[in-house]
């Protein structure tokens, strides 16, 4: 009963806030038909929305591929037996996870030219596209590294101990035993991070990268003055893309679990920090040749 009363009370407050916002925007004419008319014109889509959507998808796809590769390399590096691999990999992960993504994009876009001018040197031009892609890659690659490490550490120790007892080296244990099982457990967290990557590409509009927010909102509302209409259309496009990614992740996880048994628990997006707190990967039995990662 208490939950129902609180829910009704919260719903009434939300409805009151929503109506107040609607009434204010309606009084300023933001819901007038003329402000929505541009979105039924073909040139609005061909000149603004479609090029902006292509810019978003292009940057997100490129950054996704690079971030996955970087995440795998750093994640395996943090699980290495050699300190001269493990410590630098950990330092890189912690450093780029701690930097706000927008500051990272700004530094990549403006830092090298500024340093080159101070040293009177010439360097290749850093375009907004490169700044967005490299910023997304460094930040999300570092986060994905922790997801990969958490997924591997979530496999029960008995799996690796049995593999070592059969004579497998560490490379074989990783490749044949741990990684295939961890992939299924990591899938929801990986896709959740890729959704974040796609949404974070909108930060590129601040450094003049022509993506969906810049072309589909900033430029359209500057030309037609339809702030609400532009926000609604752009938001619907983002929601549709992210829902498609989520549906794809669900299908991949179900298919993977049907085709491959895994002893690992599925990693929720918020469970990575807990999983990586379990310690290092299980050590091989004494006398076993690990082959050294």
C-alpha atoms as a PDB file:
ATOM      1  CA  UNK A   1       0.000   0.000   0.000  1.00  0.00           C
ATOM      2  CA  UNK A   2       2.812   2.418   0.865  1.00  0.00           C
ATOM      3  CA  UNK A   3       4.528   1.666  -2.450  1.00  0.00           C
ATOM      4  CA  UNK A   4       1.289   2.324  -4.342  1.00  0.00           C
ATOM      5  CA  UNK A   5       0.730   5.626  -2.511  1.00  0.00           C
ATOM      6  CA  UNK A   6       4.327   6.764  -3.218  1.00  0.00           C
ATOM      7  CA  UNK A   7       4.010   5.718  -6.865  1.00  0.00           C
ATOM      8  CA  UNK A   8       0.769   7.650  -7.344  1.00  0.00           C
ATOM      9  CA  UNK A   9       2.231  10.676  -5.574  1.00  0.00           C
ATOM     10  CA  UNK A  10       5.376  10.583  -7.752  1.00  0.00           C
ATOM     11  CA  UNK A  11       3.243  10.164 -10.888  1.00  0.00           C
ATOM     12  CA  UNK A  12       1.144  13.207  -9.978  1.00  0.00           C
ATOM     13  CA  UNK A  13       4.282  15.314  -9.402  1.00  0.00           C
ATOM     14  CA  UNK A  14       5.800  14.145 -12.703  1.00  0.00           C
ATOM     15  CA  UNK A  15       2.552  14.896 -14.572  1.00  0.00           C
ATOM     16  CA  UNK A  16       2.414  18.373 -13.018  1.00  0.00           C
ATOM     17  CA  UNK A  17       6.016  19.121 -14.024  1.00  0.00           C
ATOM     18  CA  UNK A  18       5.429  17.776 -17.536  1.00  0.00           C
ATOM     19  CA  UNK A  19       2.284  19.887 -17.949  1.00  0.00           C
ATOM     20  CA  UNK A  20       4.081  22.997 -16.688  1.00  0.00           C
ATOM     21  CA  UNK A  21       6.874  22.484 -19.214  1.00  0.00           C
ATOM     22  CA  UNK A  22       4.367  21.787 -21.995  1.00  0.00           C
ATOM     23  CA  UNK A  23       2.292  24.854 -21.159  1.00  0.00           C
ATOM     24  CA  UNK A  24       5.374  27.085 -21.124  1.00  0.00           C
ATOM     25  CA  UNK A  25       6.629  25.771 -24.467  1.00  0.00           C
ATOM     26  CA  UNK A  26       3.149  25.911 -25.989  1.00  0.00           C
ATOM     27  CA  UNK A  27       2.773  29.535 -24.880  1.00  0.00           C
ATOM     28  CA  UNK A  28       5.975  30.315 -26.786  1.00  0.00           C
ATOM     29  CA  UNK A  29       4.634  28.557 -29.880  1.00  0.00           C
ATOM     30  CA  UNK A  30       7.140  25.680 -29.856  1.00  0.00           C
ATOM     31  CA  UNK A  31       4.436  23.167 -30.836  1.00  0.00           C
ATOM     32  CA  UNK A  32       3.163  25.161 -33.813  1.00  0.00           C
ATOM     33  CA  UNK A  33       2.795  23.158 -37.004  1.00  0.00           C
ATOM     34  CA  UNK A  34       5.182  25.381 -38.951  1.00  0.00           C
ATOM     35  CA  UNK A  35       8.057  24.361 -36.674  1.00  0.00           C
ATOM     36  CA  UNK A  36       7.485  20.664 -37.446  1.00  0.00           C
ATOM     37  CA  UNK A  37       6.996  21.240 -41.159  1.00  0.00           C
ATOM     38  CA  UNK A  38      10.744  21.112 -42.016  1.00  0.00           C
ATOM     39  CA  UNK A  39      10.841  17.447 -40.989  1.00  0.00           C
ATOM     40  CA  UNK A  40       8.393  16.493 -43.745  1.00  0.00           C
ATOM     41  CA  UNK A  41      10.611  18.139 -46.338  1.00  0.00           C
ATOM     42  CA  UNK A  42      13.153  15.986 -48.151  1.00  0.00           C
ATOM     43  CA  UNK A  43      15.939  18.572 -48.107  1.00  0.00           C
ATOM     44  CA  UNK A  44      15.937  18.676 -44.284  1.00  0.00           C
ATOM     45  CA  UNK A  45      16.793  14.983 -44.206  1.00  0.00           C
ATOM     46  CA  UNK A  46      19.247  14.988 -47.102  1.00  0.00           C
ATOM     47  CA  UNK A  47      21.120  18.127 -45.996  1.00  0.00           C
ATOM     48  CA  UNK A  48      21.061  17.805 -42.215  1.00  0.00           C
ATOM     49  CA  UNK A  49      19.802  14.616 -40.582  1.00  0.00           C
ATOM     50  CA  UNK A  50      21.180  11.900 -42.875  1.00  0.00           C
ATOM     51  CA  UNK A  51      24.677  13.470 -43.147  1.00  0.00           C
ATOM     52  CA  UNK A  52      24.678  13.994 -39.380  1.00  0.00           C
ATOM     53  CA  UNK A  53      23.561  10.400 -38.763  1.00  0.00           C
ATOM     54  CA  UNK A  54      26.299   9.152 -41.085  1.00  0.00           C
ATOM     55  CA  UNK A  55      28.859  11.235 -39.192  1.00  0.00           C
ATOM     56  CA  UNK A  56      27.693   9.738 -35.882  1.00  0.00           C
ATOM     57  CA  UNK A  57      27.702   6.156 -37.168  1.00  0.00           C
ATOM     58  CA  UNK A  58      31.054   6.578 -38.917  1.00  0.00           C
ATOM     59  CA  UNK A  59      32.780   7.880 -35.791  1.00  0.00           C
ATOM     60  CA  UNK A  60      31.042   5.325 -33.542  1.00  0.00           C
ATOM     61  CA  UNK A  61      31.908   2.347 -35.771  1.00  0.00           C
ATOM     62  CA  UNK A  62      35.550   3.364 -36.116  1.00  0.00           C
ATOM     63  CA  UNK A  63      35.883   4.044 -32.390  1.00  0.00           C
ATOM     64  CA  UNK A  64      34.120   0.760 -31.554  1.00  0.00           C
ATOM     65  CA  UNK A  65      36.598  -1.320 -33.556  1.00  0.00           C
ATOM     66  CA  UNK A  66      39.614   0.489 -32.131  1.00  0.00           C
ATOM     67  CA  UNK A  67      38.238   0.483 -28.571  1.00  0.00           C
ATOM     68  CA  UNK A  68      37.575  -3.263 -28.676  1.00  0.00           C
ATOM     69  CA  UNK A  69      41.117  -3.951 -29.883  1.00  0.00           C
ATOM     70  CA  UNK A  70      42.592  -1.592 -27.290  1.00  0.00           C
ATOM     71  CA  UNK A  71      40.394  -3.052 -24.554  1.00  0.00           C
ATOM     72  CA  UNK A  72      41.462  -6.625 -25.329  1.00  0.00           C
ATOM     73  CA  UNK A  73      45.149  -5.638 -25.389  1.00  0.00           C
ATOM     74  CA  UNK A  74      44.970  -3.694 -22.127  1.00  0.00           C
ATOM     75  CA  UNK A  75      42.744  -6.263 -20.414  1.00  0.00           C
ATOM     76  CA  UNK A  76      45.129  -9.104 -21.218  1.00  0.00           C
ATOM     77  CA  UNK A  77      48.046  -6.872 -20.292  1.00  0.00           C
ATOM     78  CA  UNK A  78      46.587  -6.344 -16.811  1.00  0.00           C
ATOM     79  CA  UNK A  79      46.376 -10.133 -16.400  1.00  0.00           C
ATOM     80  CA  UNK A  80      49.983 -10.704 -17.468  1.00  0.00           C
ATOM     81  CA  UNK A  81      52.446 -12.482 -15.194  1.00  0.00           C
ATOM     82  CA  UNK A  82      55.126  -9.920 -16.076  1.00  0.00           C
ATOM     83  CA  UNK A  83      55.105  -6.711 -14.047  1.00  0.00           C
ATOM     84  CA  UNK A  84      56.632  -4.718 -16.917  1.00  0.00           C
ATOM     85  CA  UNK A  85      53.471  -5.469 -18.937  1.00  0.00           C
ATOM     86  CA  UNK A  86      50.936  -5.465 -16.098  1.00  0.00           C
ATOM     87  CA  UNK A  87      51.906  -2.140 -14.487  1.00  0.00           C
ATOM     88  CA  UNK A  88      52.033   0.015 -17.675  1.00  0.00           C
ATOM     89  CA  UNK A  89      48.721  -1.481 -18.847  1.00  0.00           C
ATOM     90  CA  UNK A  90      47.142  -0.662 -15.491  1.00  0.00           C
ATOM     91  CA  UNK A  91      48.532   2.875 -15.543  1.00  0.00           C
ATOM     92  CA  UNK A  92      47.115   3.505 -19.030  1.00  0.00           C
ATOM     93  CA  UNK A  93      43.693   2.161 -18.035  1.00  0.00           C
ATOM     94  CA  UNK A  94      43.451   4.188 -14.844  1.00  0.00           C
ATOM     95  CA  UNK A  95      44.761   7.362 -16.518  1.00  0.00           C
ATOM     96  CA  UNK A  96      42.309   7.452 -19.408  1.00  0.00           C
ATOM     97  CA  UNK A  97      39.369   6.312 -17.277  1.00  0.00           C
ATOM     98  CA  UNK A  98      39.989   9.264 -14.972  1.00  0.00           C
ATOM     99  CA  UNK A  99      39.975  11.950 -17.699  1.00  0.00           C
ATOM    100  CA  UNK A 100      36.573  13.401 -18.715  1.00  0.00           C
ATOM    101  CA  UNK A 101      35.916  12.481 -22.324  1.00  0.00           C
ATOM    102  CA  UNK A 102      35.211  16.057 -23.411  1.00  0.00           C
ATOM    103  CA  UNK A 103      38.567  17.252 -22.040  1.00  0.00           C
ATOM    104  CA  UNK A 104      40.263  14.345 -23.814  1.00  0.00           C
ATOM    105  CA  UNK A 105      38.690  15.354 -27.136  1.00  0.00           C
ATOM    106  CA  UNK A 106      39.687  18.973 -26.620  1.00  0.00           C
ATOM    107  CA  UNK A 107      43.274  17.990 -25.833  1.00  0.00           C
ATOM    108  CA  UNK A 108      43.568  15.738 -28.902  1.00  0.00           C
ATOM    109  CA  UNK A 109      42.034  18.415 -31.122  1.00  0.00           C
ATOM    110  CA  UNK A 110      43.924  21.461 -29.844  1.00  0.00           C
ATOM    111  CA  UNK A 111      46.880  20.098 -27.861  1.00  0.00           C
ATOM    112  CA  UNK A 112      49.198  18.821 -30.621  1.00  0.00           C
ATOM    113  CA  UNK A 113      48.782  21.938 -32.857  1.00  0.00           C
ATOM    114  CA  UNK A 114      49.417  24.216 -29.876  1.00  0.00           C
ATOM    115  CA  UNK A 115      52.555  22.303 -28.880  1.00  0.00           C
ATOM    116  CA  UNK A 116      53.750  22.206 -32.493  1.00  0.00           C
ATOM    117  CA  UNK A 117      53.317  25.973 -32.848  1.00  0.00           C
ATOM    118  CA  UNK A 118      55.225  26.550 -29.618  1.00  0.00           C
ATOM    119  CA  UNK A 119      58.086  24.395 -30.936  1.00  0.00           C
ATOM    120  CA  UNK A 120      57.818  25.882 -34.433  1.00  0.00           C
ATOM    121  CA  UNK A 121      57.167  22.480 -35.959  1.00  0.00           C
ATOM    122  CA  UNK A 122      54.624  21.258 -38.512  1.00  0.00           C
ATOM    123  CA  UNK A 123      52.409  18.263 -37.837  1.00  0.00           C
ATOM    124  CA  UNK A 124      49.570  16.627 -39.806  1.00  0.00           C
ATOM    125  CA  UNK A 125      46.207  18.308 -39.320  1.00  0.00           C
ATOM    126  CA  UNK A 126      44.071  16.958 -36.474  1.00  0.00           C
ATOM    127  CA  UNK A 127      40.519  16.972 -37.828  1.00  0.00           C
ATOM    128  CA  UNK A 128      37.439  16.939 -35.576  1.00  0.00           C
ATOM    129  CA  UNK A 129      36.730  13.399 -36.793  1.00  0.00           C
ATOM    130  CA  UNK A 130      40.127  12.145 -35.612  1.00  0.00           C
ATOM    131  CA  UNK A 131      39.753  13.929 -32.282  1.00  0.00           C
ATOM    132  CA  UNK A 132      36.346  12.333 -31.687  1.00  0.00           C
ATOM    133  CA  UNK A 133      37.483   8.835 -32.736  1.00  0.00           C
ATOM    134  CA  UNK A 134      40.709   8.873 -30.717  1.00  0.00           C
ATOM    135  CA  UNK A 135      38.977  10.354 -27.676  1.00  0.00           C
ATOM    136  CA  UNK A 136      36.243   7.714 -27.761  1.00  0.00           C
ATOM    137  CA  UNK A 137      38.817   4.981 -28.369  1.00  0.00           C
ATOM    138  CA  UNK A 138      41.091   5.878 -25.460  1.00  0.00           C
ATOM    139  CA  UNK A 139      38.291   6.367 -22.934  1.00  0.00           C
ATOM    140  CA  UNK A 140      36.054   3.456 -23.887  1.00  0.00           C
ATOM    141  CA  UNK A 141      38.999   1.155 -24.600  1.00  0.00           C
ATOM    142  CA  UNK A 142      40.136   1.664 -21.010  1.00  0.00           C
ATOM    143  CA  UNK A 143      36.663   0.890 -19.673  1.00  0.00           C
ATOM    144  CA  UNK A 144      36.357  -2.174 -21.924  1.00  0.00           C
ATOM    145  CA  UNK A 145      39.728  -3.390 -20.626  1.00  0.00           C
ATOM    146  CA  UNK A 146      38.228  -3.607 -17.137  1.00  0.00           C
ATOM    147  CA  UNK A 147      35.162  -5.376 -18.534  1.00  0.00           C
ATOM    148  CA  UNK A 148      37.356  -7.965 -20.266  1.00  0.00           C
ATOM    149  CA  UNK A 149      39.434  -8.450 -17.135  1.00  0.00           C
ATOM    150  CA  UNK A 150      36.299  -8.795 -15.009  1.00  0.00           C
ATOM    151  CA  UNK A 151      34.830 -11.327 -17.427  1.00  0.00           C
ATOM    152  CA  UNK A 152      37.942 -13.516 -17.329  1.00  0.00           C
ATOM    153  CA  UNK A 153      38.210 -13.265 -13.540  1.00  0.00           C
ATOM    154  CA  UNK A 154      34.539 -14.277 -13.211  1.00  0.00           C
ATOM    155  CA  UNK A 155      35.352 -17.796 -14.451  1.00  0.00           C
ATOM    156  CA  UNK A 156      35.644 -20.195 -11.484  1.00  0.00           C
ATOM    157  CA  UNK A 157      39.236 -21.084 -10.611  1.00  0.00           C
ATOM    158  CA  UNK A 158      38.537 -24.761 -11.155  1.00  0.00           C
ATOM    159  CA  UNK A 159      38.292 -24.187 -14.896  1.00  0.00           C
ATOM    160  CA  UNK A 160      41.854 -22.910 -15.234  1.00  0.00           C
ATOM    161  CA  UNK A 161      43.226 -25.329 -12.647  1.00  0.00           C
ATOM    162  CA  UNK A 162      41.804 -28.263 -14.605  1.00  0.00           C
ATOM    163  CA  UNK A 163      43.300 -26.883 -17.812  1.00  0.00           C
ATOM    164  CA  UNK A 164      46.720 -26.481 -16.218  1.00  0.00           C
ATOM    165  CA  UNK A 165      46.451 -30.020 -14.825  1.00  0.00           C
ATOM    166  CA  UNK A 166      45.909 -31.283 -18.375  1.00  0.00           C
ATOM    167  CA  UNK A 167      49.178 -29.639 -19.405  1.00  0.00           C
ATOM    168  CA  UNK A 168      47.907 -26.519 -21.171  1.00  0.00           C
ATOM    169  CA  UNK A 169      50.073 -23.427 -21.092  1.00  0.00           C
ATOM    170  CA  UNK A 170      48.653 -20.060 -20.070  1.00  0.00           C
ATOM    171  CA  UNK A 171      48.123 -18.952 -23.669  1.00  0.00           C
ATOM    172  CA  UNK A 172      46.072 -22.082 -24.315  1.00  0.00           C
ATOM    173  CA  UNK A 173      44.091 -21.671 -21.108  1.00  0.00           C
ATOM    174  CA  UNK A 174      43.200 -18.117 -22.056  1.00  0.00           C
ATOM    175  CA  UNK A 175      42.379 -18.900 -25.688  1.00  0.00           C
ATOM    176  CA  UNK A 176      40.548 -22.219 -25.260  1.00  0.00           C
ATOM    177  CA  UNK A 177      39.034 -22.120 -21.766  1.00  0.00           C
ATOM    178  CA  UNK A 178      38.662 -18.659 -20.229  1.00  0.00           C
ATOM    179  CA  UNK A 179      38.023 -16.268 -23.123  1.00  0.00           C
ATOM    180  CA  UNK A 180      35.235 -18.322 -24.829  1.00  0.00           C
ATOM    181  CA  UNK A 181      33.319 -18.596 -21.558  1.00  0.00           C
ATOM    182  CA  UNK A 182      33.991 -15.001 -20.526  1.00  0.00           C
ATOM    183  CA  UNK A 183      32.695 -13.677 -23.861  1.00  0.00           C
ATOM    184  CA  UNK A 184      29.175 -14.821 -23.034  1.00  0.00           C
ATOM    185  CA  UNK A 185      29.326 -13.246 -19.581  1.00  0.00           C
ATOM    186  CA  UNK A 186      30.771  -9.984 -20.890  1.00  0.00           C
ATOM    187  CA  UNK A 187      28.307  -9.436 -23.752  1.00  0.00           C
ATOM    188  CA  UNK A 188      25.692  -7.296 -21.900  1.00  0.00           C
ATOM    189  CA  UNK A 189      28.348  -5.064 -20.310  1.00  0.00           C
ATOM    190  CA  UNK A 190      30.238  -4.671 -23.593  1.00  0.00           C
ATOM    191  CA  UNK A 191      27.132  -3.642 -25.532  1.00  0.00           C
ATOM    192  CA  UNK A 192      26.076  -1.281 -22.741  1.00  0.00           C
ATOM    193  CA  UNK A 193      29.470   0.420 -23.028  1.00  0.00           C
ATOM    194  CA  UNK A 194      29.148   0.596 -26.826  1.00  0.00           C
ATOM    195  CA  UNK A 195      25.781   2.330 -26.382  1.00  0.00           C
ATOM    196  CA  UNK A 196      27.544   4.846 -24.143  1.00  0.00           C
ATOM    197  CA  UNK A 197      30.197   5.259 -26.845  1.00  0.00           C
ATOM    198  CA  UNK A 198      27.551   5.983 -29.470  1.00  0.00           C
ATOM    199  CA  UNK A 199      25.848   8.597 -27.277  1.00  0.00           C
ATOM    200  CA  UNK A 200      29.170  10.177 -26.294  1.00  0.00           C
ATOM    201  CA  UNK A 201      29.918  10.818 -29.965  1.00  0.00           C
ATOM    202  CA  UNK A 202      27.492  13.758 -29.585  1.00  0.00           C
ATOM    203  CA  UNK A 203      30.241  15.556 -27.634  1.00  0.00           C
ATOM    204  CA  UNK A 204      31.979  15.996 -30.983  1.00  0.00           C
ATOM    205  CA  UNK A 205      29.536  18.803 -31.797  1.00  0.00           C
ATOM    206  CA  UNK A 206      31.433  21.007 -29.328  1.00  0.00           C
ATOM    207  CA  UNK A 207      34.594  20.751 -31.452  1.00  0.00           C
ATOM    208  CA  UNK A 208      32.612  21.330 -34.674  1.00  0.00           C
ATOM    209  CA  UNK A 209      32.387  17.694 -35.766  1.00  0.00           C
ATOM    210  CA  UNK A 210      29.341  17.356 -37.995  1.00  0.00           C
ATOM    211  CA  UNK A 211      27.445  14.510 -36.340  1.00  0.00           C
ATOM    212  CA  UNK A 212      23.739  14.032 -35.597  1.00  0.00           C
ATOM    213  CA  UNK A 213      23.466  16.522 -32.737  1.00  0.00           C
ATOM    214  CA  UNK A 214      25.358  19.199 -34.656  1.00  0.00           C
ATOM    215  CA  UNK A 215      23.613  18.757 -38.016  1.00  0.00           C
ATOM    216  CA  UNK A 216      20.222  17.506 -36.818  1.00  0.00           C
ATOM    217  CA  UNK A 217      19.757  19.908 -33.911  1.00  0.00           C
ATOM    218  CA  UNK A 218      22.152  22.855 -33.848  1.00  0.00           C
ATOM    219  CA  UNK A 219      21.972  23.709 -37.546  1.00  0.00           C
ATOM    220  CA  UNK A 220      18.261  22.990 -37.985  1.00  0.00           C
ATOM    221  CA  UNK A 221      17.152  24.988 -34.963  1.00  0.00           C
ATOM    222  CA  UNK A 222      19.461  27.835 -36.027  1.00  0.00           C
ATOM    223  CA  UNK A 223      17.738  27.923 -39.412  1.00  0.00           C
ATOM    224  CA  UNK A 224      14.114  27.298 -38.380  1.00  0.00           C
ATOM    225  CA  UNK A 225      14.050  28.145 -34.655  1.00  0.00           C
ATOM    226  CA  UNK A 226      12.325  24.840 -33.814  1.00  0.00           C
ATOM    227  CA  UNK A 227      14.214  23.825 -30.689  1.00  0.00           C
ATOM    228  CA  UNK A 228      11.685  21.315 -29.338  1.00  0.00           C
ATOM    229  CA  UNK A 229      10.941  19.703 -32.690  1.00  0.00           C
ATOM    230  CA  UNK A 230      14.635  19.243 -33.468  1.00  0.00           C
ATOM    231  CA  UNK A 231      15.337  17.762 -30.031  1.00  0.00           C
ATOM    232  CA  UNK A 232      12.428  15.328 -30.328  1.00  0.00           C
ATOM    233  CA  UNK A 233      13.452  14.072 -33.777  1.00  0.00           C
ATOM    234  CA  UNK A 234      17.132  13.694 -32.852  1.00  0.00           C
ATOM    235  CA  UNK A 235      16.219  11.960 -29.578  1.00  0.00           C
ATOM    236  CA  UNK A 236      13.962   9.482 -31.380  1.00  0.00           C
ATOM    237  CA  UNK A 237      16.796   8.592 -33.767  1.00  0.00           C
ATOM    238  CA  UNK A 238      19.240   8.047 -30.899  1.00  0.00           C
ATOM    239  CA  UNK A 239      16.683   5.941 -28.992  1.00  0.00           C
ATOM    240  CA  UNK A 240      15.967   3.804 -32.071  1.00  0.00           C
ATOM    241  CA  UNK A 241      19.670   3.100 -32.662  1.00  0.00           C
ATOM    242  CA  UNK A 242      20.333   2.264 -29.015  1.00  0.00           C
ATOM    243  CA  UNK A 243      17.279   0.014 -28.756  1.00  0.00           C
ATOM    244  CA  UNK A 244      18.457  -1.826 -31.868  1.00  0.00           C
ATOM    245  CA  UNK A 245      21.875  -2.338 -30.256  1.00  0.00           C
ATOM    246  CA  UNK A 246      20.266  -3.600 -27.063  1.00  0.00           C
ATOM    247  CA  UNK A 247      18.071  -6.045 -28.999  1.00  0.00           C
ATOM    248  CA  UNK A 248      21.106  -7.274 -30.926  1.00  0.00           C
ATOM    249  CA  UNK A 249      23.028  -7.807 -27.684  1.00  0.00           C
ATOM    250  CA  UNK A 250      20.156  -9.838 -26.210  1.00  0.00           C
ATOM    251  CA  UNK A 251      19.993 -12.081 -29.259  1.00  0.00           C
ATOM    252  CA  UNK A 252      23.764 -12.582 -29.330  1.00  0.00           C
ATOM    253  CA  UNK A 253      23.863 -13.491 -25.642  1.00  0.00           C
ATOM    254  CA  UNK A 254      21.005 -15.981 -25.951  1.00  0.00           C
ATOM    255  CA  UNK A 255      22.538 -17.567 -29.035  1.00  0.00           C
ATOM    256  CA  UNK A 256      25.940 -17.754 -27.370  1.00  0.00           C
ATOM    257  CA  UNK A 257      24.506 -19.383 -24.256  1.00  0.00           C
ATOM    258  CA  UNK A 258      22.650 -21.972 -26.359  1.00  0.00           C
ATOM    259  CA  UNK A 259      25.769 -22.881 -28.325  1.00  0.00           C
ATOM    260  CA  UNK A 260      28.345 -22.700 -25.516  1.00  0.00           C
ATOM    261  CA  UNK A 261      28.142 -23.574 -21.852  1.00  0.00           C
ATOM    262  CA  UNK A 262      29.702 -21.044 -19.513  1.00  0.00           C
ATOM    263  CA  UNK A 263      30.435 -21.215 -15.810  1.00  0.00           C
ATOM    264  CA  UNK A 264      30.640 -17.439 -15.521  1.00  0.00           C
ATOM    265  CA  UNK A 265      27.857 -15.226 -14.242  1.00  0.00           C
ATOM    266  CA  UNK A 266      26.616 -12.618 -16.681  1.00  0.00           C
ATOM    267  CA  UNK A 267      28.264  -9.249 -16.006  1.00  0.00           C
ATOM    268  CA  UNK A 268      25.752  -6.453 -15.584  1.00  0.00           C
ATOM    269  CA  UNK A 269      26.996  -3.006 -16.690  1.00  0.00           C
ATOM    270  CA  UNK A 270      27.417  -1.910 -13.071  1.00  0.00           C
ATOM    271  CA  UNK A 271      29.082  -5.075 -11.803  1.00  0.00           C
ATOM    272  CA  UNK A 272      32.501  -4.629 -13.360  1.00  0.00           C
ATOM    273  CA  UNK A 273      34.122  -2.912 -10.384  1.00  0.00           C
ATOM    274  CA  UNK A 274      32.992  -5.710  -8.084  1.00  0.00           C
ATOM    275  CA  UNK A 275      34.197  -8.413 -10.418  1.00  0.00           C
ATOM    276  CA  UNK A 276      37.664  -6.974 -10.870  1.00  0.00           C
ATOM    277  CA  UNK A 277      38.071  -6.813  -7.122  1.00  0.00           C
ATOM    278  CA  UNK A 278      38.364 -10.589  -6.942  1.00  0.00           C
ATOM    279  CA  UNK A 279      42.117 -10.467  -7.462  1.00  0.00           C
ATOM    280  CA  UNK A 280      44.428 -11.597 -10.185  1.00  0.00           C
ATOM    281  CA  UNK A 281      43.844 -14.544 -12.454  1.00  0.00           C
ATOM    282  CA  UNK A 282      44.343 -17.902 -10.724  1.00  0.00           C
ATOM    283  CA  UNK A 283      47.924 -18.979 -10.651  1.00  0.00           C
ATOM    284  CA  UNK A 284      48.857 -22.248 -12.346  1.00  0.00           C
ATOM    285  CA  UNK A 285      49.847 -25.207 -10.229  1.00  0.00           C
ATOM    286  CA  UNK A 286      53.471 -25.361  -9.160  1.00  0.00           C
ATOM    287  CA  UNK A 287      55.779 -26.664 -11.828  1.00  0.00           C
ATOM    288  CA  UNK A 288      53.406 -25.925 -14.696  1.00  0.00           C
ATOM    289  CA  UNK A 289      54.879 -24.265 -17.756  1.00  0.00           C
ATOM    290  CA  UNK A 290      52.628 -21.243 -18.345  1.00  0.00           C
ATOM    291  CA  UNK A 291      54.365 -20.111 -21.493  1.00  0.00           C
ATOM    292  CA  UNK A 292      54.225 -16.575 -20.156  1.00  0.00           C
ATOM    293  CA  UNK A 293      51.831 -13.886 -21.342  1.00  0.00           C
END
